[in-house]
N, C-alpha and C. Protein backbone atom coordinates (compact mmCIF):
# COMPACT_ATOMS: atom_id res chain seq x y z
N MET A 1 61.92 82.40 85.13
CA MET A 1 62.98 82.95 84.90
C MET A 1 63.46 84.06 83.64
N PRO A 2 63.92 85.04 84.26
CA PRO A 2 64.44 86.38 83.45
C PRO A 2 65.16 85.86 82.30
N ASP A 3 65.04 86.59 81.20
CA ASP A 3 65.81 86.32 79.87
C ASP A 3 67.29 86.73 80.08
N ILE A 4 68.31 85.87 79.57
CA ILE A 4 69.69 86.38 79.76
C ILE A 4 69.90 87.77 79.21
N SER A 5 69.26 88.25 78.03
CA SER A 5 69.46 89.42 77.61
C SER A 5 69.18 90.51 78.53
N GLU A 6 68.01 90.40 79.30
CA GLU A 6 67.68 91.24 80.20
C GLU A 6 68.61 91.42 81.35
N LEU A 7 69.09 90.12 81.80
CA LEU A 7 70.26 90.11 82.95
C LEU A 7 71.28 90.80 82.52
N LEU A 8 71.89 90.61 81.31
CA LEU A 8 72.91 91.18 80.73
C LEU A 8 73.08 92.81 80.50
N ALA A 9 71.85 93.06 80.35
CA ALA A 9 71.39 94.65 80.24
C ALA A 9 71.78 95.43 81.48
N GLY A 10 71.60 94.55 82.66
CA GLY A 10 71.71 95.35 83.91
C GLY A 10 73.06 94.97 84.74
N ALA A 11 73.86 94.33 83.79
CA ALA A 11 75.23 93.52 84.31
C ALA A 11 76.08 95.04 84.35
N SER A 12 76.88 95.05 85.20
CA SER A 12 78.23 96.00 85.28
C SER A 12 79.29 95.28 86.07
N PRO A 13 80.59 95.97 85.51
CA PRO A 13 81.80 95.39 85.96
C PRO A 13 81.67 95.67 87.61
N ARG A 14 82.38 94.85 88.51
CA ARG A 14 82.65 95.04 89.73
C ARG A 14 83.76 96.08 89.95
N GLU A 15 83.37 96.87 91.33
CA GLU A 15 83.89 98.16 91.69
C GLU A 15 84.40 97.86 93.24
N VAL A 16 85.60 98.22 93.47
CA VAL A 16 86.13 98.08 94.86
C VAL A 16 86.96 99.61 94.94
N THR A 17 86.57 100.15 96.24
CA THR A 17 87.11 101.45 96.33
C THR A 17 88.08 101.30 97.69
N VAL A 18 89.16 101.95 97.89
CA VAL A 18 90.16 101.72 98.99
C VAL A 18 90.63 103.03 99.25
N GLN A 19 90.84 103.62 100.29
CA GLN A 19 91.50 104.88 100.77
C GLN A 19 92.84 104.71 101.13
N VAL A 20 93.61 105.61 100.80
CA VAL A 20 95.26 105.39 101.18
C VAL A 20 95.34 106.94 101.25
N CYS A 21 96.39 107.00 102.51
CA CYS A 21 97.06 108.39 102.78
C CYS A 21 98.22 108.42 102.05
N LEU A 22 98.48 109.65 101.19
CA LEU A 22 99.46 109.97 100.46
C LEU A 22 100.37 110.80 101.16
N ALA A 23 100.06 111.35 102.14
CA ALA A 23 101.06 112.16 102.85
C ALA A 23 101.50 111.52 103.97
N GLY A 24 102.82 110.90 103.75
CA GLY A 24 103.31 110.14 104.55
C GLY A 24 103.98 110.98 105.98
N ASP A 25 104.11 112.09 105.89
CA ASP A 25 104.48 113.09 107.13
C ASP A 25 103.10 113.01 108.15
N ALA A 26 101.97 113.27 107.42
CA ALA A 26 100.76 113.08 108.13
C ALA A 26 100.59 111.82 108.85
N GLY A 27 100.81 110.99 108.41
CA GLY A 27 100.59 109.58 108.79
C GLY A 27 101.75 109.20 110.01
N ALA A 28 102.82 109.60 109.80
CA ALA A 28 103.97 109.64 110.90
C ALA A 28 103.60 110.48 111.94
N GLU A 29 103.08 111.71 111.77
CA GLU A 29 102.64 112.63 113.11
C GLU A 29 101.51 111.81 113.95
N LEU A 30 100.41 111.50 112.93
CA LEU A 30 99.52 110.48 113.75
C LEU A 30 99.88 109.37 114.47
N GLU A 31 100.81 108.71 114.15
CA GLU A 31 101.39 107.55 114.91
C GLU A 31 102.22 107.91 116.08
N ALA A 32 102.91 109.05 115.85
CA ALA A 32 103.83 109.56 116.90
C ALA A 32 103.00 109.91 118.00
N ALA A 33 102.10 110.90 117.91
CA ALA A 33 101.17 111.26 118.68
C ALA A 33 100.23 110.28 119.59
N GLU A 34 99.81 109.09 118.65
CA GLU A 34 99.18 108.04 119.25
C GLU A 34 100.15 107.12 119.98
N ALA A 35 101.25 107.04 119.68
CA ALA A 35 102.21 106.33 120.36
C ALA A 35 102.64 106.93 121.87
N GLU A 36 102.63 108.33 121.74
CA GLU A 36 103.00 109.22 123.10
C GLU A 36 101.76 109.32 123.89
N LEU A 37 100.44 109.24 123.33
CA LEU A 37 99.25 108.95 124.36
C LEU A 37 99.20 107.61 124.69
N GLY A 38 99.45 106.67 124.09
CA GLY A 38 99.53 105.33 124.72
C GLY A 38 100.57 105.33 125.84
N GLN A 39 101.56 105.94 125.66
CA GLN A 39 102.47 105.93 126.93
C GLN A 39 102.07 106.78 128.20
N LEU A 40 100.97 107.56 127.96
CA LEU A 40 100.26 108.13 129.19
C LEU A 40 99.40 107.63 130.00
N ARG A 41 98.90 106.27 129.37
CA ARG A 41 97.76 105.70 129.85
C ARG A 41 97.90 105.25 131.37
N GLU A 42 99.21 105.12 131.58
CA GLU A 42 99.45 104.84 133.18
C GLU A 42 99.82 105.78 134.05
N TRP A 43 99.80 107.11 133.38
CA TRP A 43 100.05 108.35 134.25
C TRP A 43 99.09 108.60 135.28
N GLN A 44 99.90 108.87 136.40
CA GLN A 44 99.26 109.38 137.89
C GLN A 44 99.50 110.49 138.25
N PRO A 45 98.65 111.34 138.69
CA PRO A 45 99.16 112.67 139.18
C PRO A 45 99.65 112.38 140.50
N THR A 46 101.01 113.36 140.96
CA THR A 46 101.62 113.45 142.01
C THR A 46 101.22 114.45 142.84
N SER A 47 100.17 115.43 142.27
CA SER A 47 99.60 116.28 143.21
C SER A 47 98.09 116.80 142.75
N LEU A 48 97.43 117.34 143.27
CA LEU A 48 96.15 117.70 143.02
C LEU A 48 96.20 118.77 141.97
N ALA A 49 97.20 119.66 141.82
CA ALA A 49 97.42 120.75 140.88
C ALA A 49 97.84 120.33 139.51
N GLU A 50 98.33 118.79 139.57
CA GLU A 50 98.76 118.34 138.19
C GLU A 50 97.75 118.19 137.24
N THR A 51 97.73 118.42 136.03
CA THR A 51 96.89 118.29 134.76
C THR A 51 97.27 116.89 134.17
N ASN A 52 96.43 116.21 133.83
CA ASN A 52 96.67 114.98 132.90
C ASN A 52 97.30 115.53 131.61
N PRO A 53 98.46 115.21 131.17
CA PRO A 53 98.95 115.74 129.89
C PRO A 53 98.32 114.99 128.67
N ALA A 54 97.52 113.90 129.14
CA ALA A 54 97.04 113.44 127.81
C ALA A 54 95.56 114.19 127.31
N PHE A 55 95.24 115.07 128.22
CA PHE A 55 94.03 115.97 127.70
C PHE A 55 94.87 116.96 126.38
N ALA A 56 95.91 117.64 126.49
CA ALA A 56 96.41 118.39 125.55
C ALA A 56 97.03 117.53 124.16
N LEU A 57 97.40 116.25 124.70
CA LEU A 57 97.92 115.37 123.56
C LEU A 57 96.70 114.76 122.89
N GLN A 58 95.70 114.57 123.64
CA GLN A 58 94.34 114.14 122.63
C GLN A 58 94.01 115.16 121.79
N GLU A 59 94.14 116.24 121.99
CA GLU A 59 94.05 117.46 120.73
C GLU A 59 94.86 117.28 119.90
N ARG A 60 96.02 116.94 120.12
CA ARG A 60 97.09 116.92 118.94
C ARG A 60 96.74 115.63 118.09
N VAL A 61 96.34 114.65 118.75
CA VAL A 61 96.08 113.14 118.00
C VAL A 61 94.79 113.55 117.17
N GLU A 62 93.84 114.40 117.74
CA GLU A 62 92.69 114.67 116.83
C GLU A 62 92.94 115.57 115.64
N ALA A 63 94.00 116.60 115.76
CA ALA A 63 94.34 117.33 114.82
C ALA A 63 95.11 116.64 113.71
N ALA A 64 95.92 115.52 114.23
CA ALA A 64 96.40 114.71 113.33
C ALA A 64 95.65 113.79 112.51
N ARG A 65 94.51 113.29 113.04
CA ARG A 65 93.70 112.46 112.64
C ARG A 65 92.88 113.00 111.21
N GLN A 66 92.67 114.41 111.75
CA GLN A 66 91.87 115.35 110.66
C GLN A 66 92.94 115.52 109.45
N ARG A 67 94.01 115.79 109.71
CA ARG A 67 94.98 115.87 108.55
C ARG A 67 95.02 114.78 107.50
N VAL A 68 95.20 113.40 108.35
CA VAL A 68 95.19 112.36 107.57
C VAL A 68 94.24 111.89 106.81
N ARG A 69 92.82 112.23 107.57
CA ARG A 69 91.65 112.11 106.82
C ARG A 69 91.55 113.14 105.55
N GLU A 70 92.18 114.29 105.82
CA GLU A 70 92.10 115.46 104.52
C GLU A 70 93.11 114.98 103.45
N THR A 71 94.29 114.25 103.86
CA THR A 71 95.10 114.06 102.81
C THR A 71 94.74 112.61 102.25
N ALA A 72 93.78 111.62 103.03
CA ALA A 72 93.36 110.34 102.27
C ALA A 72 92.87 110.56 100.85
N VAL A 73 93.21 109.80 99.88
CA VAL A 73 92.67 109.64 98.63
C VAL A 73 92.01 108.36 98.44
N GLU A 74 90.74 108.43 97.79
CA GLU A 74 90.19 107.24 97.31
C GLU A 74 90.34 106.86 96.07
N PHE A 75 90.61 105.45 95.93
CA PHE A 75 91.05 104.98 94.55
C PHE A 75 89.97 104.07 94.60
N LYS A 76 89.22 104.40 93.09
CA LYS A 76 88.11 103.56 92.61
C LYS A 76 88.70 102.47 91.56
N PHE A 77 88.65 101.13 91.60
CA PHE A 77 88.93 100.41 90.97
C PHE A 77 87.65 99.33 90.15
N ARG A 78 87.98 99.38 88.95
CA ARG A 78 86.90 98.67 87.97
C ARG A 78 87.45 97.47 87.22
N ALA A 79 86.61 96.50 87.35
CA ALA A 79 86.99 95.24 86.84
C ALA A 79 87.38 95.39 85.07
N LEU A 80 88.34 94.84 84.86
CA LEU A 80 88.50 94.83 83.22
C LEU A 80 87.42 94.07 82.53
N GLY A 81 87.10 92.83 83.17
CA GLY A 81 86.36 91.98 82.54
C GLY A 81 87.22 90.95 82.02
N HIS A 82 86.79 89.61 81.86
CA HIS A 82 87.66 88.31 81.98
C HIS A 82 88.59 88.46 80.54
N ARG A 83 88.13 88.74 79.60
CA ARG A 83 89.00 88.79 78.42
C ARG A 83 90.01 89.62 78.43
N ALA A 84 89.73 91.04 78.96
CA ALA A 84 90.65 92.00 78.85
C ALA A 84 91.92 91.71 79.89
N TYR A 85 91.30 91.27 81.12
CA TYR A 85 92.24 91.09 82.38
C TYR A 85 92.98 89.75 81.73
N SER A 86 92.50 88.73 81.00
CA SER A 86 93.43 87.55 80.66
C SER A 86 94.34 88.19 79.62
N ASN A 87 94.01 88.93 78.64
CA ASN A 87 95.15 89.66 77.62
C ASN A 87 96.08 90.43 78.40
N LEU A 88 95.69 90.95 79.53
CA LEU A 88 96.79 91.79 80.25
C LEU A 88 97.74 90.92 81.01
N LEU A 89 97.10 89.87 81.49
CA LEU A 89 98.20 88.61 81.95
C LEU A 89 99.16 88.30 80.94
N ALA A 90 98.30 87.87 79.90
CA ALA A 90 99.34 87.20 78.92
C ALA A 90 100.40 88.18 78.46
N ALA A 91 100.21 89.50 78.36
CA ALA A 91 101.19 90.59 77.89
C ALA A 91 102.27 90.56 78.78
N HIS A 92 102.09 89.90 79.91
CA HIS A 92 103.32 89.93 81.10
C HIS A 92 103.50 88.97 81.71
N PRO A 93 104.03 87.86 80.74
CA PRO A 93 104.40 86.75 81.30
C PRO A 93 105.30 86.31 82.67
N ALA A 94 105.19 85.54 83.42
CA ALA A 94 105.95 85.50 84.45
C ALA A 94 107.41 84.89 84.08
N PRO A 95 108.50 85.43 84.72
CA PRO A 95 109.76 85.02 84.27
C PRO A 95 110.22 83.44 84.39
N LYS A 96 110.88 82.96 84.01
CA LYS A 96 110.96 81.40 84.05
C LYS A 96 111.38 81.01 85.44
N ASP A 97 110.78 79.92 85.96
CA ASP A 97 111.14 79.30 87.34
C ASP A 97 110.30 80.20 88.26
N SER A 98 109.23 81.17 87.94
CA SER A 98 108.54 81.90 88.62
C SER A 98 107.45 81.22 89.32
N LYS A 99 106.83 81.32 90.32
CA LYS A 99 105.65 80.69 90.93
C LYS A 99 104.36 81.57 90.75
N GLU A 100 104.92 82.81 90.19
CA GLU A 100 103.40 83.78 90.05
C GLU A 100 103.06 83.46 88.54
N PRO A 101 101.95 83.94 88.41
CA PRO A 101 101.19 83.80 87.09
C PRO A 101 101.67 84.99 86.02
N TYR A 102 102.33 85.93 86.68
CA TYR A 102 102.60 87.18 85.63
C TYR A 102 103.80 87.44 86.15
N ASP A 103 104.79 88.51 85.50
CA ASP A 103 105.86 89.27 85.78
C ASP A 103 105.41 90.21 86.63
N ALA A 104 105.55 90.43 87.91
CA ALA A 104 105.07 91.35 88.93
C ALA A 104 105.53 92.65 88.85
N SER A 105 106.73 92.67 88.29
CA SER A 105 107.55 93.88 88.03
C SER A 105 106.72 94.83 86.97
N THR A 106 106.21 94.18 86.03
CA THR A 106 105.51 94.84 84.94
C THR A 106 104.14 94.77 85.07
N PHE A 107 103.49 93.54 85.63
CA PHE A 107 102.14 93.30 85.50
C PHE A 107 101.51 94.17 86.55
N LEU A 108 101.70 94.52 87.81
CA LEU A 108 101.37 94.98 88.78
C LEU A 108 101.06 96.55 88.50
N PRO A 109 101.89 97.14 88.03
CA PRO A 109 101.83 98.54 87.53
C PRO A 109 100.88 98.91 86.24
N ALA A 110 100.73 97.77 85.48
CA ALA A 110 99.83 97.84 84.40
C ALA A 110 98.58 97.56 84.85
N VAL A 111 98.29 96.61 85.70
CA VAL A 111 96.79 96.38 85.98
C VAL A 111 96.27 97.67 87.02
N LEU A 112 97.31 98.13 87.70
CA LEU A 112 96.88 99.36 88.40
C LEU A 112 96.31 100.43 87.25
N ALA A 113 97.13 100.67 86.43
CA ALA A 113 96.82 101.76 85.51
C ALA A 113 95.66 101.47 84.53
N ALA A 114 95.40 100.10 84.35
CA ALA A 114 94.30 99.82 83.54
C ALA A 114 92.97 99.72 84.39
N CYS A 115 92.92 99.52 85.58
CA CYS A 115 91.46 99.30 86.28
C CYS A 115 91.29 100.40 87.17
N CYS A 116 92.16 101.29 87.56
CA CYS A 116 92.00 102.43 88.52
C CYS A 116 91.20 103.43 87.51
N VAL A 117 89.92 103.65 88.04
CA VAL A 117 89.31 104.61 87.16
C VAL A 117 88.95 106.10 87.87
N GLU A 118 89.39 106.17 89.26
CA GLU A 118 89.12 107.39 90.02
C GLU A 118 90.24 107.28 90.82
N PRO A 119 91.11 108.17 91.14
CA PRO A 119 91.60 109.06 89.86
C PRO A 119 92.24 108.19 88.59
N SER A 120 91.98 108.61 87.46
CA SER A 120 92.44 107.80 86.24
C SER A 120 93.88 107.93 86.38
N LEU A 121 94.71 106.99 86.24
CA LEU A 121 96.16 106.94 86.35
C LEU A 121 96.77 106.21 84.83
N THR A 122 97.62 107.17 84.33
CA THR A 122 98.43 106.71 83.04
C THR A 122 99.51 105.72 83.91
N PRO A 123 100.29 105.11 82.87
CA PRO A 123 101.40 104.15 83.28
C PRO A 123 102.43 105.13 83.84
N ALA A 124 102.85 106.34 83.28
CA ALA A 124 103.57 107.40 83.80
C ALA A 124 103.30 107.71 85.23
N GLN A 125 102.01 108.12 85.61
CA GLN A 125 101.57 108.39 86.47
C GLN A 125 101.52 107.27 87.79
N VAL A 126 101.46 106.21 87.47
CA VAL A 126 101.64 104.99 88.25
C VAL A 126 103.06 104.91 88.59
N ASP A 127 103.86 105.00 87.73
CA ASP A 127 105.37 105.08 87.98
C ASP A 127 105.73 106.18 89.09
N ARG A 128 105.00 107.33 88.94
CA ARG A 128 105.63 108.55 89.95
C ARG A 128 104.82 108.01 91.25
N LEU A 129 103.54 107.31 91.19
CA LEU A 129 102.94 107.34 92.62
C LEU A 129 103.71 106.14 93.13
N LEU A 130 104.32 105.11 92.48
CA LEU A 130 105.09 103.97 93.11
C LEU A 130 106.47 104.58 93.69
N ASP A 131 106.81 105.65 93.09
CA ASP A 131 108.12 106.13 93.33
C ASP A 131 107.98 106.94 94.96
N VAL A 132 106.69 107.38 95.32
CA VAL A 132 106.33 108.16 96.36
C VAL A 132 105.79 107.44 97.66
N VAL A 133 104.92 106.31 97.34
CA VAL A 133 104.30 105.68 98.38
C VAL A 133 105.27 104.44 98.67
N ASN A 134 105.00 104.04 100.08
CA ASN A 134 105.90 103.16 100.58
C ASN A 134 105.32 101.64 100.03
N ASP A 135 105.86 100.47 100.58
CA ASP A 135 105.47 99.36 99.98
C ASP A 135 104.14 98.86 100.32
N GLY A 136 103.83 99.13 101.81
CA GLY A 136 102.60 98.70 102.33
C GLY A 136 101.47 99.31 101.45
N THR A 137 101.60 100.78 101.00
CA THR A 137 100.51 101.21 100.55
C THR A 137 100.51 100.79 98.95
N ALA A 138 101.56 100.46 98.27
CA ALA A 138 101.29 100.11 97.10
C ALA A 138 100.76 98.60 97.02
N ARG A 139 101.09 97.83 97.88
CA ARG A 139 100.58 96.38 98.17
C ARG A 139 99.03 96.54 98.32
N THR A 140 98.55 97.63 99.11
CA THR A 140 97.27 97.75 99.20
C THR A 140 96.37 98.25 98.06
N LEU A 141 97.14 98.85 97.13
CA LEU A 141 96.65 99.21 95.82
C LEU A 141 96.76 98.13 94.88
N PHE A 142 97.84 97.49 94.85
CA PHE A 142 97.72 96.33 93.86
C PHE A 142 96.66 95.17 94.32
N ALA A 143 96.72 94.77 95.73
CA ALA A 143 95.84 93.95 96.29
C ALA A 143 94.23 94.25 95.70
N THR A 144 94.04 95.48 95.71
CA THR A 144 92.79 95.91 95.35
C THR A 144 92.36 95.77 93.75
N ALA A 145 93.32 96.07 93.12
CA ALA A 145 93.54 95.90 91.46
C ALA A 145 93.26 94.48 91.39
N LEU A 146 94.01 93.65 92.08
CA LEU A 146 93.86 92.15 91.80
C LEU A 146 92.34 91.67 92.06
N ALA A 147 92.14 92.22 93.51
CA ALA A 147 90.75 91.58 93.98
C ALA A 147 89.55 91.96 92.80
N VAL A 148 89.68 93.09 92.44
CA VAL A 148 88.43 93.60 91.63
C VAL A 148 88.26 92.82 90.40
N ASN A 149 89.41 92.30 90.08
CA ASN A 149 89.38 91.58 88.66
C ASN A 149 89.47 90.03 89.01
N GLU A 150 89.69 89.69 89.99
CA GLU A 150 90.02 88.18 90.40
C GLU A 150 88.74 87.47 91.30
N GLU A 151 88.41 88.25 92.34
CA GLU A 151 87.41 87.72 93.32
C GLU A 151 86.07 88.08 92.83
N PRO A 152 85.03 87.12 92.87
CA PRO A 152 83.74 87.31 92.71
C PRO A 152 83.04 88.23 93.52
N SER A 153 81.98 89.12 93.02
CA SER A 153 81.31 90.01 93.75
C SER A 153 80.74 89.40 94.88
N PRO A 154 80.71 90.19 95.96
CA PRO A 154 80.06 89.49 97.05
C PRO A 154 78.59 89.62 97.32
N ILE A 155 77.96 88.49 97.63
CA ILE A 155 76.46 88.05 97.81
C ILE A 155 76.22 88.00 99.16
N PRO A 156 75.45 89.18 99.99
CA PRO A 156 75.28 89.01 101.31
C PRO A 156 74.20 87.95 101.54
N PHE A 157 74.45 87.09 102.72
CA PHE A 157 73.59 86.31 103.06
C PHE A 157 72.32 86.88 103.76
N SER A 158 71.26 86.36 103.57
CA SER A 158 70.23 86.83 103.92
C SER A 158 69.58 86.29 105.62
């Protein structure tokens, strides 16, 4: 059995990475093009001279997908460690009669700023980010920040 000192020397905090698209217009363009393409699935030519409009639309979809890929940002989160995370929770107590273990309005932005390591975010930058992204993107970022601190590291089955 290895010595615990050796094990601790190789230990590191859990990390989780998530990608989000910060260009809402690029996402909307992709969704619209994909929806339009979906409507053409039932298209049938009325003459031999007709060209399937899906061919040109597929190029638009691919261009939109590329733009979304280019505007996607990778956010890397690192666990704070049990004590630091507990202290952060304690600094943002839940309002009276809340079922949550924390005050979501203050804790979630604080944990985002505390454990997002790439890109590094200040509390002011988190506020700006939350003013720009929609609720779904914010929830993805919050969920990742919570998961990296609250869920155990996965161990694959062999």
